[in-house]
Amino acid sequence: MAINLGARDRVKTLPKVNRRALRKYGEFWRALQLVGDALAEADKVAAKATDSKSKRSGKGVSAKSGASGEHWSTASPEEIRASAKTAHASLRVMASSAKKWEAELVSREWRK
């Protein structure tokens, strides 16, 4: 007969589990998930975005803005997708490293 221990009981029975380190690791893992959610949202925005380049002209155009009258520009949908793809890859590397070192991270004190 297997005994199903809850999360609290498991923490009490595991040797060398630092509760503060376990809490910090949980916060770290949750932060990784939030970043992943934000990147998924960026992908959705990039999919809906259109590449419209409107030039500013007329009154108020300064010499700094150049001959075309552009003061600033936003990233194109392709640039957003490429940046999100790179960030997803980096996040996967970090998450896999966090899982690999989970036992070490929950057993030692985290630096302040």
PDB file of N, CA and C in Angstrom:
ATOM      1  N   MET A   1       0.845  -1.173   0.000  1.00  0.00           N
ATOM      2  CA  MET A   1       0.000   0.000   0.000  1.00  0.00           C
ATOM      3  C   MET A   1       0.895   1.242   0.000  1.00  0.00           C
ATOM      4  N   ALA A   2       0.708   2.094  -0.981  1.00  0.00           N
ATOM      5  CA  ALA A   2       1.512   3.306  -1.090  1.00  0.00           C
ATOM      6  C   ALA A   2       0.866   4.434  -0.301  1.00  0.00           C
ATOM      7  N   ILE A   3       1.695   5.186   0.353  1.00  0.00           N
ATOM      8  CA  ILE A   3       1.220   6.336   1.114  1.00  0.00           C
ATOM      9  C   ILE A   3       1.454   7.575   0.278  1.00  0.00           C
ATOM     10  N   ASN A   4       0.405   8.320   0.053  1.00  0.00           N
ATOM     11  CA  ASN A   4       0.508   9.545  -0.730  1.00  0.00           C
ATOM     12  C   ASN A   4       0.782  10.704   0.215  1.00  0.00           C
ATOM     13  N   LEU A   5       1.977  11.243   0.141  1.00  0.00           N
ATOM     14  CA  LEU A   5       2.341  12.370   0.991  1.00  0.00           C
ATOM     15  C   LEU A   5       2.051  13.669   0.266  1.00  0.00           C
ATOM     16  N   GLY A   6       1.526  14.614   0.971  1.00  0.00           N
ATOM     17  CA  GLY A   6       1.297  15.936   0.395  1.00  0.00           C
ATOM     18  C   GLY A   6       2.606  16.683   0.249  1.00  0.00           C
ATOM     19  N   ALA A   7       2.541  17.839  -0.384  1.00  0.00           N
ATOM     20  CA  ALA A   7       3.751  18.631  -0.617  1.00  0.00           C
ATOM     21  C   ALA A   7       4.414  19.020   0.697  1.00  0.00           C
ATOM     22  N   ARG A   8       3.631  19.374   1.692  1.00  0.00           N
ATOM     23  CA  ARG A   8       4.192  19.772   2.979  1.00  0.00           C
ATOM     24  C   ARG A   8       4.905  18.613   3.664  1.00  0.00           C
ATOM     25  N   ASP A   9       4.293  17.439   3.610  1.00  0.00           N
ATOM     26  CA  ASP A   9       4.900  16.269   4.243  1.00  0.00           C
ATOM     27  C   ASP A   9       6.183  15.864   3.540  1.00  0.00           C
ATOM     28  N   ARG A  10       6.212  15.990   2.216  1.00  0.00           N
ATOM     29  CA  ARG A  10       7.417  15.651   1.471  1.00  0.00           C
ATOM     30  C   ARG A  10       8.578  16.555   1.867  1.00  0.00           C
ATOM     31  N   VAL A  11       8.303  17.838   2.080  1.00  0.00           N
ATOM     32  CA  VAL A  11       9.356  18.769   2.468  1.00  0.00           C
ATOM     33  C   VAL A  11       9.907  18.390   3.836  1.00  0.00           C
ATOM     34  N   LYS A  12       9.054  17.969   4.734  1.00  0.00           N
ATOM     35  CA  LYS A  12       9.497  17.601   6.075  1.00  0.00           C
ATOM     36  C   LYS A  12      10.299  16.305   6.075  1.00  0.00           C
ATOM     37  N   THR A  13       9.990  15.374   5.156  1.00  0.00           N
ATOM     38  CA  THR A  13      10.652  14.085   5.175  1.00  0.00           C
ATOM     39  C   THR A  13      11.931  14.042   4.345  1.00  0.00           C
ATOM     40  N   LEU A  14      12.097  14.944   3.409  1.00  0.00           N
ATOM     41  CA  LEU A  14      13.297  14.940   2.581  1.00  0.00           C
ATOM     42  C   LEU A  14      14.493  15.445   3.381  1.00  0.00           C
ATOM     43  N   PRO A  15      15.581  14.712   3.344  1.00  0.00           N
ATOM     44  CA  PRO A  15      16.773  15.217   4.041  1.00  0.00           C
ATOM     45  C   PRO A  15      17.423  16.322   3.213  1.00  0.00           C
ATOM     46  N   LYS A  16      18.047  17.218   3.894  1.00  0.00           N
ATOM     47  CA  LYS A  16      18.825  18.287   3.281  1.00  0.00           C
ATOM     48  C   LYS A  16      18.023  19.176   2.326  1.00  0.00           C
ATOM     49  N   VAL A  17      16.770  19.420   2.642  1.00  0.00           N
ATOM     50  CA  VAL A  17      15.999  20.366   1.851  1.00  0.00           C
ATOM     51  C   VAL A  17      15.896  21.647   2.663  1.00  0.00           C
ATOM     52  N   ASN A  18      16.426  22.671   2.114  1.00  0.00           N
ATOM     53  CA  ASN A  18      16.387  23.973   2.744  1.00  0.00           C
ATOM     54  C   ASN A  18      15.077  24.635   2.332  1.00  0.00           C
ATOM     55  N   ARG A  19      14.206  24.903   3.277  1.00  0.00           N
ATOM     56  CA  ARG A  19      12.883  25.454   2.944  1.00  0.00           C
ATOM     57  C   ARG A  19      12.982  26.804   2.243  1.00  0.00           C
ATOM     58  N   ARG A  20      13.886  27.636   2.697  1.00  0.00           N
ATOM     59  CA  ARG A  20      14.046  28.942   2.058  1.00  0.00           C
ATOM     60  C   ARG A  20      14.527  28.761   0.613  1.00  0.00           C
ATOM     61  N   ALA A  21      15.475  27.849   0.409  1.00  0.00           N
ATOM     62  CA  ALA A  21      15.976  27.580  -0.942  1.00  0.00           C
ATOM     63  C   ALA A  21      14.873  26.989  -1.811  1.00  0.00           C
ATOM     64  N   LEU A  22      14.037  26.137  -1.242  1.00  0.00           N
ATOM     65  CA  LEU A  22      12.924  25.562  -1.996  1.00  0.00           C
ATOM     66  C   LEU A  22      11.931  26.643  -2.404  1.00  0.00           C
ATOM     67  N   ARG A  23      11.665  27.577  -1.507  1.00  0.00           N
ATOM     68  CA  ARG A  23      10.758  28.686  -1.819  1.00  0.00           C
ATOM     69  C   ARG A  23      11.361  29.571  -2.909  1.00  0.00           C
ATOM     70  N   LYS A  24      12.661  29.853  -2.798  1.00  0.00           N
ATOM     71  CA  LYS A  24      13.332  30.680  -3.810  1.00  0.00           C
ATOM     72  C   LYS A  24      13.331  29.985  -5.169  1.00  0.00           C
ATOM     73  N   TYR A  25      13.550  28.676  -5.168  1.00  0.00           N
ATOM     74  CA  TYR A  25      13.528  27.933  -6.418  1.00  0.00           C
ATOM     75  C   TYR A  25      12.123  27.983  -7.039  1.00  0.00           C
ATOM     76  N   GLY A  26      11.103  27.865  -6.203  1.00  0.00           N
ATOM     77  CA  GLY A  26       9.722  27.966  -6.687  1.00  0.00           C
ATOM     78  C   GLY A  26       9.451  29.329  -7.304  1.00  0.00           C
ATOM     79  N   GLU A  27       9.941  30.381  -6.671  1.00  0.00           N
ATOM     80  CA  GLU A  27       9.783  31.735  -7.208  1.00  0.00           C
ATOM     81  C   GLU A  27      10.521  31.877  -8.541  1.00  0.00           C
ATOM     82  N   PHE A  28      11.709  31.302  -8.601  1.00  0.00           N
ATOM     83  CA  PHE A  28      12.506  31.344  -9.822  1.00  0.00           C
ATOM     84  C   PHE A  28      11.786  30.609 -10.958  1.00  0.00           C
ATOM     85  N   TRP A  29      11.244  29.424 -10.658  1.00  0.00           N
ATOM     86  CA  TRP A  29      10.545  28.636 -11.677  1.00  0.00           C
ATOM     87  C   TRP A  29       9.289  29.372 -12.150  1.00  0.00           C
ATOM     88  N   ARG A  30       8.585  30.000 -11.225  1.00  0.00           N
ATOM     89  CA  ARG A  30       7.381  30.767 -11.583  1.00  0.00           C
ATOM     90  C   ARG A  30       7.758  31.953 -12.473  1.00  0.00           C
ATOM     91  N   ALA A  31       8.876  32.590 -12.186  1.00  0.00           N
ATOM     92  CA  ALA A  31       9.334  33.706 -13.017  1.00  0.00           C
ATOM     93  C   ALA A  31       9.654  33.230 -14.437  1.00  0.00           C
ATOM     94  N   LEU A  32      10.257  32.051 -14.554  1.00  0.00           N
ATOM     95  CA  LEU A  32      10.524  31.489 -15.884  1.00  0.00           C
ATOM     96  C   LEU A  32       9.222  31.241 -16.635  1.00  0.00           C
ATOM     97  N   GLN A  33       8.205  30.763 -15.932  1.00  0.00           N
ATOM     98  CA  GLN A  33       6.905  30.533 -16.563  1.00  0.00           C
ATOM     99  C   GLN A  33       6.265  31.840 -17.013  1.00  0.00           C
ATOM    100  N   LEU A  34       6.391  32.879 -16.199  1.00  0.00           N
ATOM    101  CA  LEU A  34       5.827  34.181 -16.567  1.00  0.00           C
ATOM    102  C   LEU A  34       6.515  34.762 -17.795  1.00  0.00           C
ATOM    103  N   VAL A  35       7.823  34.584 -17.888  1.00  0.00           N
ATOM    104  CA  VAL A  35       8.557  35.045 -19.066  1.00  0.00           C
ATOM    105  C   VAL A  35       8.088  34.273 -20.300  1.00  0.00           C
ATOM    106  N   GLY A  36       7.885  32.975 -20.144  1.00  0.00           N
ATOM    107  CA  GLY A  36       7.372  32.169 -21.246  1.00  0.00           C
ATOM    108  C   GLY A  36       6.002  32.637 -21.697  1.00  0.00           C
ATOM    109  N   ASP A  37       5.139  32.988 -20.739  1.00  0.00           N
ATOM    110  CA  ASP A  37       3.813  33.509 -21.072  1.00  0.00           C
ATOM    111  C   ASP A  37       3.914  34.837 -21.819  1.00  0.00           C
ATOM    112  N   ALA A  38       4.829  35.698 -21.374  1.00  0.00           N
ATOM    113  CA  ALA A  38       5.011  36.995 -22.038  1.00  0.00           C
ATOM    114  C   ALA A  38       5.526  36.809 -23.462  1.00  0.00           C
ATOM    115  N   LEU A  39       6.411  35.841 -23.661  1.00  0.00           N
ATOM    116  CA  LEU A  39       6.918  35.570 -25.005  1.00  0.00           C
ATOM    117  C   LEU A  39       5.830  35.004 -25.906  1.00  0.00           C
ATOM    118  N   ALA A  40       4.959  34.190 -25.356  1.00  0.00           N
ATOM    119  CA  ALA A  40       3.840  33.665 -26.140  1.00  0.00           C
ATOM    120  C   ALA A  40       2.918  34.813 -26.559  1.00  0.00           C
ATOM    121  N   GLU A  41       2.721  35.764 -25.658  1.00  0.00           N
ATOM    122  CA  GLU A  41       1.907  36.936 -25.982  1.00  0.00           C
ATOM    123  C   GLU A  41       2.580  37.783 -27.061  1.00  0.00           C
ATOM    124  N   ALA A  42       3.895  37.904 -27.007  1.00  0.00           N
ATOM    125  CA  ALA A  42       4.630  38.649 -28.034  1.00  0.00           C
ATOM    126  C   ALA A  42       4.484  37.975 -29.399  1.00  0.00           C
ATOM    127  N   ASP A  43       4.469  36.634 -29.404  1.00  0.00           N
ATOM    128  CA  ASP A  43       4.252  35.910 -30.657  1.00  0.00           C
ATOM    129  C   ASP A  43       2.879  36.219 -31.241  1.00  0.00           C
ATOM    130  N   LYS A  44       1.869  36.279 -30.372  1.00  0.00           N
ATOM    131  CA  LYS A  44       0.514  36.593 -30.838  1.00  0.00           C
ATOM    132  C   LYS A  44       0.446  37.998 -31.420  1.00  0.00           C
ATOM    133  N   VAL A  45       1.094  38.938 -30.757  1.00  0.00           N
ATOM    134  CA  VAL A  45       1.110  40.328 -31.240  1.00  0.00           C
ATOM    135  C   VAL A  45       1.841  40.407 -32.572  1.00  0.00           C
ATOM    136  N   ALA A  46       2.946  39.708 -32.708  1.00  0.00           N
ATOM    137  CA  ALA A  46       3.711  39.725 -33.953  1.00  0.00           C
ATOM    138  C   ALA A  46       2.898  39.113 -35.091  1.00  0.00           C
ATOM    139  N   ALA A  47       2.103  38.093 -34.787  1.00  0.00           N
ATOM    140  CA  ALA A  47       1.289  37.461 -35.821  1.00  0.00           C
ATOM    141  C   ALA A  47       0.201  38.408 -36.323  1.00  0.00           C
ATOM    142  N   LYS A  48      -0.306  39.258 -35.443  1.00  0.00           N
ATOM    143  CA  LYS A  48      -1.366  40.198 -35.823  1.00  0.00           C
ATOM    144  C   LYS A  48      -0.822  41.501 -36.413  1.00  0.00           C
ATOM    145  N   ALA A  49       0.450  41.765 -36.214  1.00  0.00           N
ATOM    146  CA  ALA A  49       1.031  43.048 -36.621  1.00  0.00           C
ATOM    147  C   ALA A  49       1.140  43.155 -38.135  1.00  0.00           C
ATOM    148  N   THR A  50       1.026  44.376 -38.592  1.00  0.00           N
ATOM    149  CA  THR A  50       1.246  44.662 -40.005  1.00  0.00           C
ATOM    150  C   THR A  50       2.445  45.587 -40.104  1.00  0.00           C
ATOM    151  N   ASP A  51       3.102  45.546 -41.215  1.00  0.00           N
ATOM    152  CA  ASP A  51       4.300  46.359 -41.409  1.00  0.00           C
ATOM    153  C   ASP A  51       3.927  47.590 -42.210  1.00  0.00           C
ATOM    154  N   SER A  52       3.495  48.618 -41.499  1.00  0.00           N
ATOM    155  CA  SER A  52       3.147  49.860 -42.191  1.00  0.00           C
ATOM    156  C   SER A  52       4.154  50.923 -41.788  1.00  0.00           C
ATOM    157  N   LYS A  53       4.843  51.439 -42.767  1.00  0.00           N
ATOM    158  CA  LYS A  53       5.841  52.468 -42.496  1.00  0.00           C
ATOM    159  C   LYS A  53       5.276  53.804 -42.941  1.00  0.00           C
ATOM    160  N   SER A  54       4.851  54.553 -41.976  1.00  0.00           N
ATOM    161  CA  SER A  54       4.335  55.883 -42.304  1.00  0.00           C
ATOM    162  C   SER A  54       5.415  56.907 -41.993  1.00  0.00           C
ATOM    163  N   LYS A  55       5.579  57.842 -42.885  1.00  0.00           N
ATOM    164  CA  LYS A  55       6.601  58.863 -42.700  1.00  0.00           C
ATOM    165  C   LYS A  55       5.952  60.135 -42.188  1.00  0.00           C
ATOM    166  N   ARG A  56       6.672  60.784 -41.333  1.00  0.00           N
ATOM    167  CA  ARG A  56       6.190  62.018 -40.764  1.00  0.00           C
ATOM    168  C   ARG A  56       6.725  63.176 -41.604  1.00  0.00           C
ATOM    169  N   SER A  57       5.883  64.054 -41.953  1.00  0.00           N
ATOM    170  CA  SER A  57       6.332  65.187 -42.758  1.00  0.00           C
ATOM    171  C   SER A  57       5.544  66.424 -42.357  1.00  0.00           C
ATOM    172  N   GLY A  58       5.924  67.509 -42.954  1.00  0.00           N
ATOM    173  CA  GLY A  58       5.199  68.746 -42.687  1.00  0.00           C
ATOM    174  C   GLY A  58       5.823  69.547 -41.570  1.00  0.00           C
ATOM    175  N   LYS A  59       4.998  70.318 -40.909  1.00  0.00           N
ATOM    176  CA  LYS A  59       5.448  71.209 -39.848  1.00  0.00           C
ATOM    177  C   LYS A  59       6.003  70.410 -38.671  1.00  0.00           C
ATOM    178  N   GLY A  60       7.102  70.851 -38.146  1.00  0.00           N
ATOM    179  CA  GLY A  60       7.692  70.213 -36.981  1.00  0.00           C
ATOM    180  C   GLY A  60       8.774  69.210 -37.311  1.00  0.00           C
ATOM    181  N   VAL A  61       9.093  69.041 -38.561  1.00  0.00           N
ATOM    182  CA  VAL A  61      10.155  68.122 -38.933  1.00  0.00           C
ATOM    183  C   VAL A  61      11.481  68.799 -38.633  1.00  0.00           C
ATOM    184  N   SER A  62      12.315  68.140 -37.846  1.00  0.00           N
ATOM    185  CA  SER A  62      13.581  68.751 -37.456  1.00  0.00           C
ATOM    186  C   SER A  62      14.712  68.245 -38.338  1.00  0.00           C
ATOM    187  N   ALA A  63      15.850  68.885 -38.215  1.00  0.00           N
ATOM    188  CA  ALA A  63      17.024  68.482 -38.981  1.00  0.00           C
ATOM    189  C   ALA A  63      17.539  67.129 -38.495  1.00  0.00           C
ATOM    190  N   LYS A  64      17.321  66.831 -37.204  1.00  0.00           N
ATOM    191  CA  LYS A  64      17.780  65.563 -36.645  1.00  0.00           C
ATOM    192  C   LYS A  64      17.016  64.377 -37.220  1.00  0.00           C
ATOM    193  N   SER A  65      15.809  64.597 -37.635  1.00  0.00           N
ATOM    194  CA  SER A  65      14.993  63.484 -38.097  1.00  0.00           C
ATOM    195  C   SER A  65      15.389  63.002 -39.479  1.00  0.00           C
ATOM    196  N   GLY A  66      16.199  63.732 -40.175  1.00  0.00           N
ATOM    197  CA  GLY A  66      16.639  63.305 -41.491  1.00  0.00           C
ATOM    198  C   GLY A  66      15.715  63.807 -42.583  1.00  0.00           C
ATOM    199  N   ALA A  67      16.086  63.509 -43.794  1.00  0.00           N
ATOM    200  CA  ALA A  67      15.325  64.003 -44.940  1.00  0.00           C
ATOM    201  C   ALA A  67      13.957  63.338 -45.042  1.00  0.00           C
ATOM    202  N   SER A  68      13.848  62.114 -44.563  1.00  0.00           N
ATOM    203  CA  SER A  68      12.579  61.403 -44.701  1.00  0.00           C
ATOM    204  C   SER A  68      11.560  61.824 -43.642  1.00  0.00           C
ATOM    205  N   GLY A  69      11.994  62.506 -42.599  1.00  0.00           N
ATOM    206  CA  GLY A  69      11.073  62.968 -41.564  1.00  0.00           C
ATOM    207  C   GLY A  69      10.763  61.918 -40.510  1.00  0.00           C
ATOM    208  N   GLU A  70      11.493  60.819 -40.467  1.00  0.00           N
ATOM    209  CA  GLU A  70      11.249  59.781 -39.477  1.00  0.00           C
ATOM    210  C   GLU A  70      11.980  60.115 -38.178  1.00  0.00           C
ATOM    211  N   HIS A  71      11.232  60.157 -37.077  1.00  0.00           N
ATOM    212  CA  HIS A  71      11.820  60.426 -35.766  1.00  0.00           C
ATOM    213  C   HIS A  71      12.197  59.135 -35.061  1.00  0.00           C
ATOM    214  N   TRP A  72      11.375  58.152 -35.153  1.00  0.00           N
ATOM    215  CA  TRP A  72      11.638  56.867 -34.528  1.00  0.00           C
ATOM    216  C   TRP A  72      10.876  55.814 -35.295  1.00  0.00           C
ATOM    217  N   SER A  73      11.230  54.585 -35.083  1.00  0.00           N
ATOM    218  CA  SER A  73      10.532  53.507 -35.759  1.00  0.00           C
ATOM    219  C   SER A  73      10.306  52.355 -34.789  1.00  0.00           C
ATOM    220  N   THR A  74       9.343  51.527 -35.108  1.00  0.00           N
ATOM    221  CA  THR A  74       9.076  50.348 -34.298  1.00  0.00           C
ATOM    222  C   THR A  74       9.633  49.129 -35.011  1.00  0.00           C
ATOM    223  N   ALA A  75       9.744  48.060 -34.281  1.00  0.00           N
ATOM    224  CA  ALA A  75      10.261  46.820 -34.866  1.00  0.00           C
ATOM    225  C   ALA A  75       9.231  46.245 -35.832  1.00  0.00           C
ATOM    226  N   SER A  76       9.732  45.665 -36.886  1.00  0.00           N
ATOM    227  CA  SER A  76       8.835  45.025 -37.851  1.00  0.00           C
ATOM    228  C   SER A  76       8.337  43.707 -37.263  1.00  0.00           C
ATOM    229  N   PRO A  77       7.251  43.170 -37.795  1.00  0.00           N
ATOM    230  CA  PRO A  77       6.773  41.872 -37.291  1.00  0.00           C
ATOM    231  C   PRO A  77       7.822  40.765 -37.414  1.00  0.00           C
ATOM    232  N   GLU A  78       8.622  40.808 -38.460  1.00  0.00           N
ATOM    233  CA  GLU A  78       9.675  39.802 -38.621  1.00  0.00           C
ATOM    234  C   GLU A  78      10.726  39.939 -37.524  1.00  0.00           C
ATOM    235  N   GLU A  79      11.069  41.178 -37.178  1.00  0.00           N
ATOM    236  CA  GLU A  79      12.048  41.404 -36.108  1.00  0.00           C
ATOM    237  C   GLU A  79      11.489  40.935 -34.761  1.00  0.00           C
ATOM    238  N   ILE A  80      10.201  41.162 -34.537  1.00  0.00           N
ATOM    239  CA  ILE A  80       9.573  40.714 -33.288  1.00  0.00           C
ATOM    240  C   ILE A  80       9.593  39.196 -33.212  1.00  0.00           C
ATOM    241  N   ARG A  81       9.229  38.537 -34.314  1.00  0.00           N
ATOM    242  CA  ARG A  81       9.228  37.069 -34.338  1.00  0.00           C
ATOM    243  C   ARG A  81      10.631  36.509 -34.116  1.00  0.00           C
ATOM    244  N   ALA A  82      11.621  37.100 -34.764  1.00  0.00           N
ATOM    245  CA  ALA A  82      13.002  36.625 -34.615  1.00  0.00           C
ATOM    246  C   ALA A  82      13.498  36.816 -33.184  1.00  0.00           C
ATOM    247  N   SER A  83      13.187  37.954 -32.585  1.00  0.00           N
ATOM    248  CA  SER A  83      13.601  38.204 -31.203  1.00  0.00           C
ATOM    249  C   SER A  83      12.902  37.245 -30.242  1.00  0.00           C
ATOM    250  N   ALA A  84      11.617  37.004 -30.470  1.00  0.00           N
ATOM    251  CA  ALA A  84      10.872  36.084 -29.608  1.00  0.00           C
ATOM    252  C   ALA A  84      11.410  34.662 -29.746  1.00  0.00           C
ATOM    253  N   LYS A  85      11.775  34.274 -30.955  1.00  0.00           N
ATOM    254  CA  LYS A  85      12.331  32.935 -31.180  1.00  0.00           C
ATOM    255  C   LYS A  85      13.654  32.768 -30.435  1.00  0.00           C
ATOM    256  N   THR A  86      14.509  33.783 -30.505  1.00  0.00           N
ATOM    257  CA  THR A  86      15.783  33.756 -29.788  1.00  0.00           C
ATOM    258  C   THR A  86      15.558  33.703 -28.279  1.00  0.00           C
ATOM    259  N   ALA A  87      14.606  34.492 -27.801  1.00  0.00           N
ATOM    260  CA  ALA A  87      14.309  34.504 -26.368  1.00  0.00           C
ATOM    261  C   ALA A  87      13.735  33.162 -25.914  1.00  0.00           C
ATOM    262  N   HIS A  88      12.879  32.544 -26.744  1.00  0.00           N
ATOM    263  CA  HIS A  88      12.350  31.219 -26.421  1.00  0.00           C
ATOM    264  C   HIS A  88      13.477  30.202 -26.290  1.00  0.00           C
ATOM    265  N   ALA A  89      14.435  30.252 -27.200  1.00  0.00           N
ATOM    266  CA  ALA A  89      15.559  29.312 -27.143  1.00  0.00           C
ATOM    267  C   ALA A  89      16.365  29.510 -25.866  1.00  0.00           C
ATOM    268  N   SER A  90      16.631  30.760 -25.512  1.00  0.00           N
ATOM    269  CA  SER A  90      17.376  31.053 -24.283  1.00  0.00           C
ATOM    270  C   SER A  90      16.600  30.599 -23.046  1.00  0.00           C
ATOM    271  N   LEU A  91      15.293  30.798 -23.080  1.00  0.00           N
ATOM    272  CA  LEU A  91      14.455  30.386 -21.954  1.00  0.00           C
ATOM    273  C   LEU A  91      14.456  28.864 -21.803  1.00  0.00           C
ATOM    274  N   ARG A  92      14.428  28.141 -22.916  1.00  0.00           N
ATOM    275  CA  ARG A  92      14.484  26.676 -22.857  1.00  0.00           C
ATOM    276  C   ARG A  92      15.802  26.210 -22.245  1.00  0.00           C
ATOM    277  N   VAL A  93      16.899  26.852 -22.617  1.00  0.00           N
ATOM    278  CA  VAL A  93      18.205  26.489 -22.050  1.00  0.00           C
ATOM    279  C   VAL A  93      18.211  26.745 -20.549  1.00  0.00           C
ATOM    280  N   MET A  94      17.689  27.891 -20.144  1.00  0.00           N
ATOM    281  CA  MET A  94      17.673  28.224 -18.718  1.00  0.00           C
ATOM    282  C   MET A  94      16.767  27.276 -17.938  1.00  0.00           C
ATOM    283  N   ALA A  95      15.607  26.945 -18.492  1.00  0.00           N
ATOM    284  CA  ALA A  95      14.677  26.046 -17.804  1.00  0.00           C
ATOM    285  C   ALA A  95      15.264  24.640 -17.691  1.00  0.00           C
ATOM    286  N   SER A  96      15.925  24.173 -18.740  1.00  0.00           N
ATOM    287  CA  SER A  96      16.524  22.834 -18.662  1.00  0.00           C
ATOM    288  C   SER A  96      17.673  22.810 -17.651  1.00  0.00           C
ATOM    289  N   SER A  97      18.427  23.895 -17.581  1.00  0.00           N
ATOM    290  CA  SER A  97      19.500  23.980 -16.574  1.00  0.00           C
ATOM    291  C   SER A  97      18.921  24.028 -15.170  1.00  0.00           C
ATOM    292  N   ALA A  98      17.821  24.746 -15.005  1.00  0.00           N
ATOM    293  CA  ALA A  98      17.183  24.827 -13.690  1.00  0.00           C
ATOM    294  C   ALA A  98      16.688  23.454 -13.251  1.00  0.00           C
ATOM    295  N   LYS A  99      16.115  22.697 -14.179  1.00  0.00           N
ATOM    296  CA  LYS A  99      15.661  21.348 -13.844  1.00  0.00           C
ATOM    297  C   LYS A  99      16.845  20.427 -13.537  1.00  0.00           C
ATOM    298  N   LYS A 100      17.907  20.576 -14.303  1.00  0.00           N
ATOM    299  CA  LYS A 100      19.090  19.747 -14.108  1.00  0.00           C
ATOM    300  C   LYS A 100      19.698  19.976 -12.725  1.00  0.00           C
ATOM    301  N   TRP A 101      19.735  21.224 -12.295  1.00  0.00           N
ATOM    302  CA  TRP A 101      20.368  21.586 -11.026  1.00  0.00           C
ATOM    303  C   TRP A 101      19.359  21.775  -9.896  1.00  0.00           C
ATOM    304  N   GLU A 102      18.141  21.301 -10.076  1.00  0.00           N
ATOM    305  CA  GLU A 102      17.094  21.511  -9.063  1.00  0.00           C
ATOM    306  C   GLU A 102      17.501  20.981  -7.690  1.00  0.00           C
ATOM    307  N   ALA A 103      18.022  19.771  -7.629  1.00  0.00           N
ATOM    308  CA  ALA A 103      18.401  19.187  -6.343  1.00  0.00           C
ATOM    309  C   ALA A 103      19.459  20.036  -5.641  1.00  0.00           C
ATOM    310  N   GLU A 104      20.407  20.524  -6.419  1.00  0.00           N
ATOM    311  CA  GLU A 104      21.455  21.374  -5.852  1.00  0.00           C
ATOM    312  C   GLU A 104      20.890  22.717  -5.379  1.00  0.00           C
ATOM    313  N   LEU A 105      19.979  23.270  -6.150  1.00  0.00           N
ATOM    314  CA  LEU A 105      19.421  24.588  -5.813  1.00  0.00           C
ATOM    315  C   LEU A 105      18.524  24.549  -4.587  1.00  0.00           C
ATOM    316  N   VAL A 106      17.824  23.441  -4.355  1.00  0.00           N
ATOM    317  CA  VAL A 106      16.950  23.387  -3.184  1.00  0.00           C
ATOM    318  C   VAL A 106      17.672  22.925  -1.929  1.00  0.00           C
ATOM    319  N   SER A 107      18.906  22.435  -2.071  1.00  0.00           N
ATOM    320  CA  SER A 107      19.624  21.959  -0.892  1.00  0.00           C
ATOM    321  C   SER A 107      20.566  23.005  -0.305  1.00  0.00           C
ATOM    322  N   ARG A 108      20.889  24.033  -1.072  1.00  0.00           N
ATOM    323  CA  ARG A 108      21.834  25.052  -0.592  1.00  0.00           C
ATOM    324  C   ARG A 108      21.169  26.407  -0.427  1.00  0.00           C
ATOM    325  N   GLU A 109      21.784  27.212   0.367  1.00  0.00           N
ATOM    326  CA  GLU A 109      21.299  28.581   0.586  1.00  0.00           C
ATOM    327  C   GLU A 109      21.560  29.422  -0.647  1.00  0.00           C
ATOM    328  N   TRP A 110      20.586  30.235  -1.026  1.00  0.00           N
ATOM    329  CA  TRP A 110      20.750  31.141  -2.165  1.00  0.00           C
ATOM    330  C   TRP A 110      21.413  32.422  -1.668  1.00  0.00           C
ATOM    331  N   ARG A 111      22.220  33.007  -2.520  1.00  0.00           N
ATOM    332  CA  ARG A 111      22.858  34.272  -2.152  1.00  0.00           C
ATOM    333  C   ARG A 111      21.826  35.370  -2.125  1.00  0.00           C
ATOM    334  N   LYS A 112      22.060  36.326  -1.264  1.00  0.00           N
ATOM    335  CA  LYS A 112      21.119  37.441  -1.127  1.00  0.00           C
ATOM    336  C   LYS A 112      21.461  38.554  -2.056  1.00  0.00           C
TER     337      LYS A 112
END
